[in-house]
């Protein structure tokens, strides 16, 4: 039985470059650890439990995620969120969502996640763009990369496109949508030259899955891989394949998290 009978849902965004991912790690600065420190301060050491909707990797940013906070007594959620933002560093922001039943399970209620990966092959790449955009040696063939995107859509075993875990046996995930286009902005940030943006929506993702998929797409784009290099790994995931290096974390953003929240 949940010992903390009151539960609240918050939205969170963060710029991940200064953090070693979401989850707490010994002697490391992480988003969850920073958030918990501030919550502990605002609550004046009152006991609480926090659950996040996603565990992003080191250096990965988030435009829209969620966390669920369990408390022993009620709070005014709007004022509480404002207090958190007063003491959080400016690269972490929270928004009050609503009170939810303490039996509400945030992790099981996530219906889909959308990631965006921004990258460039431009010889006019600006150094300051590296805060949000990864760079690869070009030129990259857009048509070939679009062909690669089609190969990953649907329900597949992505064991060869993630960092395997000896404690994990299920590597099947479903990608609902994947498309590649060009843009010159991320929200209010404008770029002088167009950059690629890969948009991926799925039911959930494995450790480093998106970044390894990006590596495969770029390899198709620079013609060092053919489509069979992708399809063979998807068709025979348990074979011993050479490990695919993950693309740089700085280009990846958890863009949107869809949560099925029951009516009050």
Protein backbone atom coordinates (compact mmCIF):
# COMPACT_ATOMS: atom_id res chain seq x y z
CA UNK A 1 0.00 0.00 0.00
CA UNK A 2 1.26 3.47 -0.85
CA UNK A 3 2.36 5.10 2.42
CA UNK A 4 2.05 8.56 0.87
CA UNK A 5 -1.66 8.99 0.02
CA UNK A 6 -1.43 12.23 -1.99
CA UNK A 7 -0.07 12.29 -5.54
CA UNK A 8 0.64 15.09 -8.01
CA UNK A 9 1.68 15.15 -11.66
CA UNK A 10 4.18 17.70 -12.98
CA UNK A 11 5.57 18.44 -16.43
CA UNK A 12 9.33 18.89 -16.74
CA UNK A 13 11.79 20.19 -19.33
CA UNK A 14 15.58 20.41 -19.16
CA UNK A 15 18.71 21.12 -21.17
CA UNK A 16 20.76 17.99 -20.63
CA UNK A 17 24.33 19.03 -21.43
CA UNK A 18 25.37 19.48 -17.78
CA UNK A 19 23.75 16.28 -16.52
CA UNK A 20 24.65 12.60 -16.57
CA UNK A 21 21.12 11.68 -17.58
CA UNK A 22 17.91 11.53 -15.56
CA UNK A 23 18.44 8.72 -13.05
CA UNK A 24 20.53 9.15 -9.88
CA UNK A 25 24.11 7.87 -10.07
CA UNK A 26 26.79 7.82 -7.41
CA UNK A 27 28.85 11.04 -7.38
CA UNK A 28 27.21 12.30 -10.58
CA UNK A 29 25.05 15.32 -11.35
CA UNK A 30 21.74 14.05 -12.72
CA UNK A 31 18.37 15.68 -13.38
CA UNK A 32 16.44 13.55 -10.88
CA UNK A 33 19.02 14.09 -8.16
CA UNK A 34 18.97 17.88 -8.70
CA UNK A 35 15.17 17.88 -8.67
CA UNK A 36 14.99 15.78 -5.50
CA UNK A 37 17.40 18.11 -3.69
CA UNK A 38 15.21 21.11 -4.44
CA UNK A 39 11.98 19.29 -3.56
CA UNK A 40 13.54 18.23 -0.26
CA UNK A 41 14.47 21.84 0.47
CA UNK A 42 11.04 23.24 -0.43
CA UNK A 43 9.30 20.56 1.65
CA UNK A 44 11.66 21.25 4.58
CA UNK A 45 12.86 17.61 4.66
CA UNK A 46 9.38 16.11 4.59
CA UNK A 47 9.34 12.57 3.19
CA UNK A 48 8.37 12.12 -0.48
CA UNK A 49 8.68 9.72 -3.42
CA UNK A 50 9.35 10.75 -7.03
CA UNK A 51 8.82 8.73 -10.22
CA UNK A 52 9.82 9.95 -13.69
CA UNK A 53 8.16 9.09 -17.00
CA UNK A 54 11.51 8.65 -18.83
CA UNK A 55 15.16 7.89 -18.11
CA UNK A 56 17.10 9.98 -20.62
CA UNK A 57 20.81 9.32 -21.19
CA UNK A 58 23.71 11.58 -20.30
CA UNK A 59 23.63 14.81 -22.30
CA UNK A 60 20.12 14.27 -23.71
CA UNK A 61 17.63 17.14 -23.36
CA UNK A 62 13.89 17.07 -22.74
CA UNK A 63 11.19 19.42 -23.98
CA UNK A 64 8.28 17.56 -22.35
CA UNK A 65 8.53 14.85 -19.74
CA UNK A 66 6.60 14.17 -16.54
CA UNK A 67 7.20 13.19 -12.96
CA UNK A 68 4.81 12.00 -10.27
CA UNK A 69 5.29 13.19 -6.70
CA UNK A 70 3.88 11.24 -3.72
CA UNK A 71 3.39 13.17 -0.47
CA UNK A 72 1.88 12.58 2.95
CA UNK A 73 -0.21 15.76 2.88
CA UNK A 74 -1.78 18.08 0.31
CA UNK A 75 -0.07 21.05 -1.31
CA UNK A 76 -1.19 23.88 -3.57
CA UNK A 77 0.35 22.52 -6.75
CA UNK A 78 0.70 25.80 -8.66
CA UNK A 79 2.50 27.60 -5.85
CA UNK A 80 4.66 24.53 -5.24
CA UNK A 81 5.80 24.42 -8.88
CA UNK A 82 6.63 28.12 -8.70
CA UNK A 83 8.75 27.53 -5.60
CA UNK A 84 10.61 24.70 -7.30
CA UNK A 85 11.49 26.92 -10.25
CA UNK A 86 12.81 29.59 -7.88
CA UNK A 87 15.46 27.19 -6.56
CA UNK A 88 16.09 24.95 -9.55
CA UNK A 89 18.87 25.90 -11.98
CA UNK A 90 17.51 27.64 -15.09
CA UNK A 91 18.21 24.59 -17.27
CA UNK A 92 15.48 22.64 -15.43
CA UNK A 93 11.88 23.93 -15.45
CA UNK A 94 8.70 22.38 -14.06
CA UNK A 95 5.00 23.07 -14.63
CA UNK A 96 2.14 22.06 -12.39
CA UNK A 97 -0.20 19.58 -14.09
CA UNK A 98 -2.78 18.26 -11.61
CA UNK A 99 -3.45 16.06 -8.62
CA UNK A 100 -3.86 12.38 -9.52
CA UNK A 101 -5.00 9.34 -7.58
CA UNK A 102 -2.16 7.75 -5.61
CA UNK A 103 -2.92 4.51 -7.47
CA UNK A 104 -2.18 6.20 -10.80
CA UNK A 105 0.88 4.59 -12.40
CA UNK A 106 2.77 7.16 -14.48
CA UNK A 107 5.13 4.72 -16.18
CA UNK A 108 2.33 2.39 -17.31
CA UNK A 109 0.23 5.37 -18.45
CA UNK A 110 2.73 6.63 -21.04
CA UNK A 111 1.17 5.77 -24.42
CA UNK A 112 3.92 7.17 -26.66
CA UNK A 113 7.10 9.23 -26.74
CA UNK A 114 8.41 11.40 -29.53
CA UNK A 115 12.10 12.16 -29.89
CA UNK A 116 13.78 14.58 -32.27
CA UNK A 117 17.39 14.33 -33.35
CA UNK A 118 18.99 17.41 -34.93
CA UNK A 119 22.12 17.05 -37.05
CA UNK A 120 24.06 18.73 -39.84
CA UNK A 121 26.57 17.89 -42.55
CA UNK A 122 27.16 21.51 -43.53
CA UNK A 123 30.68 22.81 -44.12
CA UNK A 124 29.31 26.12 -42.79
CA UNK A 125 28.44 24.60 -39.39
CA UNK A 126 28.69 27.18 -36.60
CA UNK A 127 30.39 26.25 -33.31
CA UNK A 128 27.53 27.60 -31.18
CA UNK A 129 25.06 25.32 -32.96
CA UNK A 130 26.78 22.34 -31.29
CA UNK A 131 24.73 23.00 -28.15
CA UNK A 132 21.71 21.52 -29.93
CA UNK A 133 22.91 19.99 -33.21
CA UNK A 134 25.28 17.09 -33.91
CA UNK A 135 27.64 17.30 -36.88
CA UNK A 136 28.62 14.54 -39.30
CA UNK A 137 31.06 14.58 -42.19
CA UNK A 138 29.15 15.14 -45.41
CA UNK A 139 27.75 15.26 -47.88
CA UNK A 140 24.83 13.04 -46.79
CA UNK A 141 22.29 11.73 -49.28
CA UNK A 142 18.82 12.71 -48.05
CA UNK A 143 17.04 10.16 -50.24
CA UNK A 144 19.17 7.31 -48.89
CA UNK A 145 18.51 8.43 -45.32
CA UNK A 146 14.78 8.55 -45.99
CA UNK A 147 14.98 4.99 -47.31
CA UNK A 148 16.69 3.97 -44.07
CA UNK A 149 13.89 5.53 -41.99
CA UNK A 150 11.30 3.32 -43.67
CA UNK A 151 13.20 0.19 -42.59
CA UNK A 152 12.79 0.96 -38.89
CA UNK A 153 9.04 1.58 -38.85
CA UNK A 154 6.74 -0.96 -37.20
CA UNK A 155 7.20 -3.55 -34.47
CA UNK A 156 10.71 -5.01 -34.58
CA UNK A 157 13.44 -6.51 -32.44
CA UNK A 158 15.97 -3.69 -31.87
CA UNK A 159 18.56 -5.68 -29.95
CA UNK A 160 21.24 -4.84 -32.54
CA UNK A 161 20.28 -1.13 -32.33
CA UNK A 162 20.58 -0.53 -28.59
CA UNK A 163 22.96 -1.14 -25.70
CA UNK A 164 21.99 -4.67 -24.58
CA UNK A 165 21.43 -5.40 -20.90
CA UNK A 166 22.16 -8.91 -19.56
CA UNK A 167 19.06 -8.61 -17.37
CA UNK A 168 16.79 -7.77 -20.31
CA UNK A 169 15.21 -10.33 -22.65
CA UNK A 170 12.57 -8.24 -24.46
CA UNK A 171 14.00 -6.03 -27.20
CA UNK A 172 10.83 -5.70 -29.26
CA UNK A 173 9.59 -2.14 -29.61
CA UNK A 174 7.18 -0.45 -32.02
CA UNK A 175 8.03 2.71 -33.95
CA UNK A 176 4.80 4.40 -35.03
CA UNK A 177 6.30 7.21 -37.09
CA UNK A 178 9.74 8.17 -38.34
CA UNK A 179 10.48 10.94 -40.81
CA UNK A 180 13.43 13.07 -41.78
CA UNK A 181 13.24 16.68 -42.95
CA UNK A 182 15.16 19.96 -42.83
CA UNK A 183 14.54 22.95 -40.58
CA UNK A 184 16.20 26.20 -39.56
CA UNK A 185 14.87 26.43 -36.02
CA UNK A 186 14.29 24.60 -32.75
CA UNK A 187 11.44 26.34 -30.97
CA UNK A 188 12.68 29.97 -30.69
CA UNK A 189 16.28 29.13 -31.69
CA UNK A 190 17.09 29.96 -35.32
CA UNK A 191 19.97 28.62 -37.42
CA UNK A 192 21.62 30.36 -40.33
CA UNK A 193 21.81 27.13 -42.34
CA UNK A 194 19.20 24.33 -42.53
CA UNK A 195 19.78 21.27 -40.34
CA UNK A 196 18.29 17.80 -40.49
CA UNK A 197 15.67 16.79 -37.95
CA UNK A 198 14.72 13.15 -37.44
CA UNK A 199 11.34 12.75 -35.72
CA UNK A 200 10.65 9.37 -34.11
CA UNK A 201 7.46 8.38 -32.28
CA UNK A 202 7.09 5.03 -30.57
CA UNK A 203 5.61 3.13 -27.66
CA UNK A 204 8.94 3.25 -25.82
CA UNK A 205 12.65 3.03 -26.50
CA UNK A 206 15.65 0.99 -25.41
CA UNK A 207 18.93 2.31 -24.04
CA UNK A 208 20.70 4.30 -26.80
CA UNK A 209 18.21 3.00 -29.40
CA UNK A 210 17.51 6.33 -31.12
CA UNK A 211 21.17 7.35 -31.21
CA UNK A 212 22.26 4.03 -32.72
CA UNK A 213 19.47 4.29 -35.29
CA UNK A 214 20.78 7.76 -36.18
CA UNK A 215 24.25 6.28 -36.73
CA UNK A 216 22.74 3.71 -39.11
CA UNK A 217 20.81 6.40 -41.00
CA UNK A 218 23.94 8.56 -41.35
CA UNK A 219 25.88 5.55 -42.62
CA UNK A 220 23.22 5.08 -45.27
CA UNK A 221 23.51 8.78 -46.06
CA UNK A 222 27.28 8.65 -46.57
CA UNK A 223 26.92 5.33 -48.46
CA UNK A 224 29.15 3.35 -46.11
CA UNK A 225 26.09 1.14 -45.42
CA UNK A 226 23.45 -0.33 -47.69
CA UNK A 227 19.88 -1.18 -46.71
CA UNK A 228 20.88 -4.81 -46.11
CA UNK A 229 23.17 -3.70 -43.27
CA UNK A 230 20.04 -2.55 -41.45
CA UNK A 231 17.59 -5.28 -42.47
CA UNK A 232 20.00 -8.10 -41.60
CA UNK A 233 20.41 -6.75 -38.06
CA UNK A 234 16.65 -6.39 -37.68
CA UNK A 235 15.97 -9.86 -39.08
CA UNK A 236 18.72 -11.61 -37.08
CA UNK A 237 19.10 -9.55 -33.89
CA UNK A 238 20.72 -12.36 -31.89
CA UNK A 239 23.68 -12.73 -34.20
CA UNK A 240 27.00 -11.33 -33.02
CA UNK A 241 27.13 -7.98 -34.81
CA UNK A 242 29.78 -5.33 -34.51
CA UNK A 243 28.49 -2.81 -31.98
CA UNK A 244 27.02 0.35 -33.51
CA UNK A 245 28.38 3.50 -31.85
CA UNK A 246 25.64 5.83 -30.59
CA UNK A 247 25.37 9.21 -32.30
CA UNK A 248 26.33 12.17 -30.08
CA UNK A 249 23.85 12.93 -27.30
CA UNK A 250 23.77 16.70 -27.91
CA UNK A 251 21.44 16.35 -30.92
CA UNK A 252 18.74 14.36 -29.09
CA UNK A 253 15.65 15.85 -27.43
CA UNK A 254 12.74 14.03 -25.81
CA UNK A 255 10.22 16.20 -27.58
CA UNK A 256 6.83 14.99 -26.40
CA UNK A 257 5.44 12.48 -23.90
CA UNK A 258 1.82 11.38 -24.22
CA UNK A 259 0.29 10.28 -20.94
CA UNK A 260 -3.18 8.79 -20.51
CA UNK A 261 -4.45 10.69 -17.48
CA UNK A 262 -7.84 9.57 -16.11
CA UNK A 263 -10.53 12.18 -15.59
CA UNK A 264 -10.79 13.63 -12.10
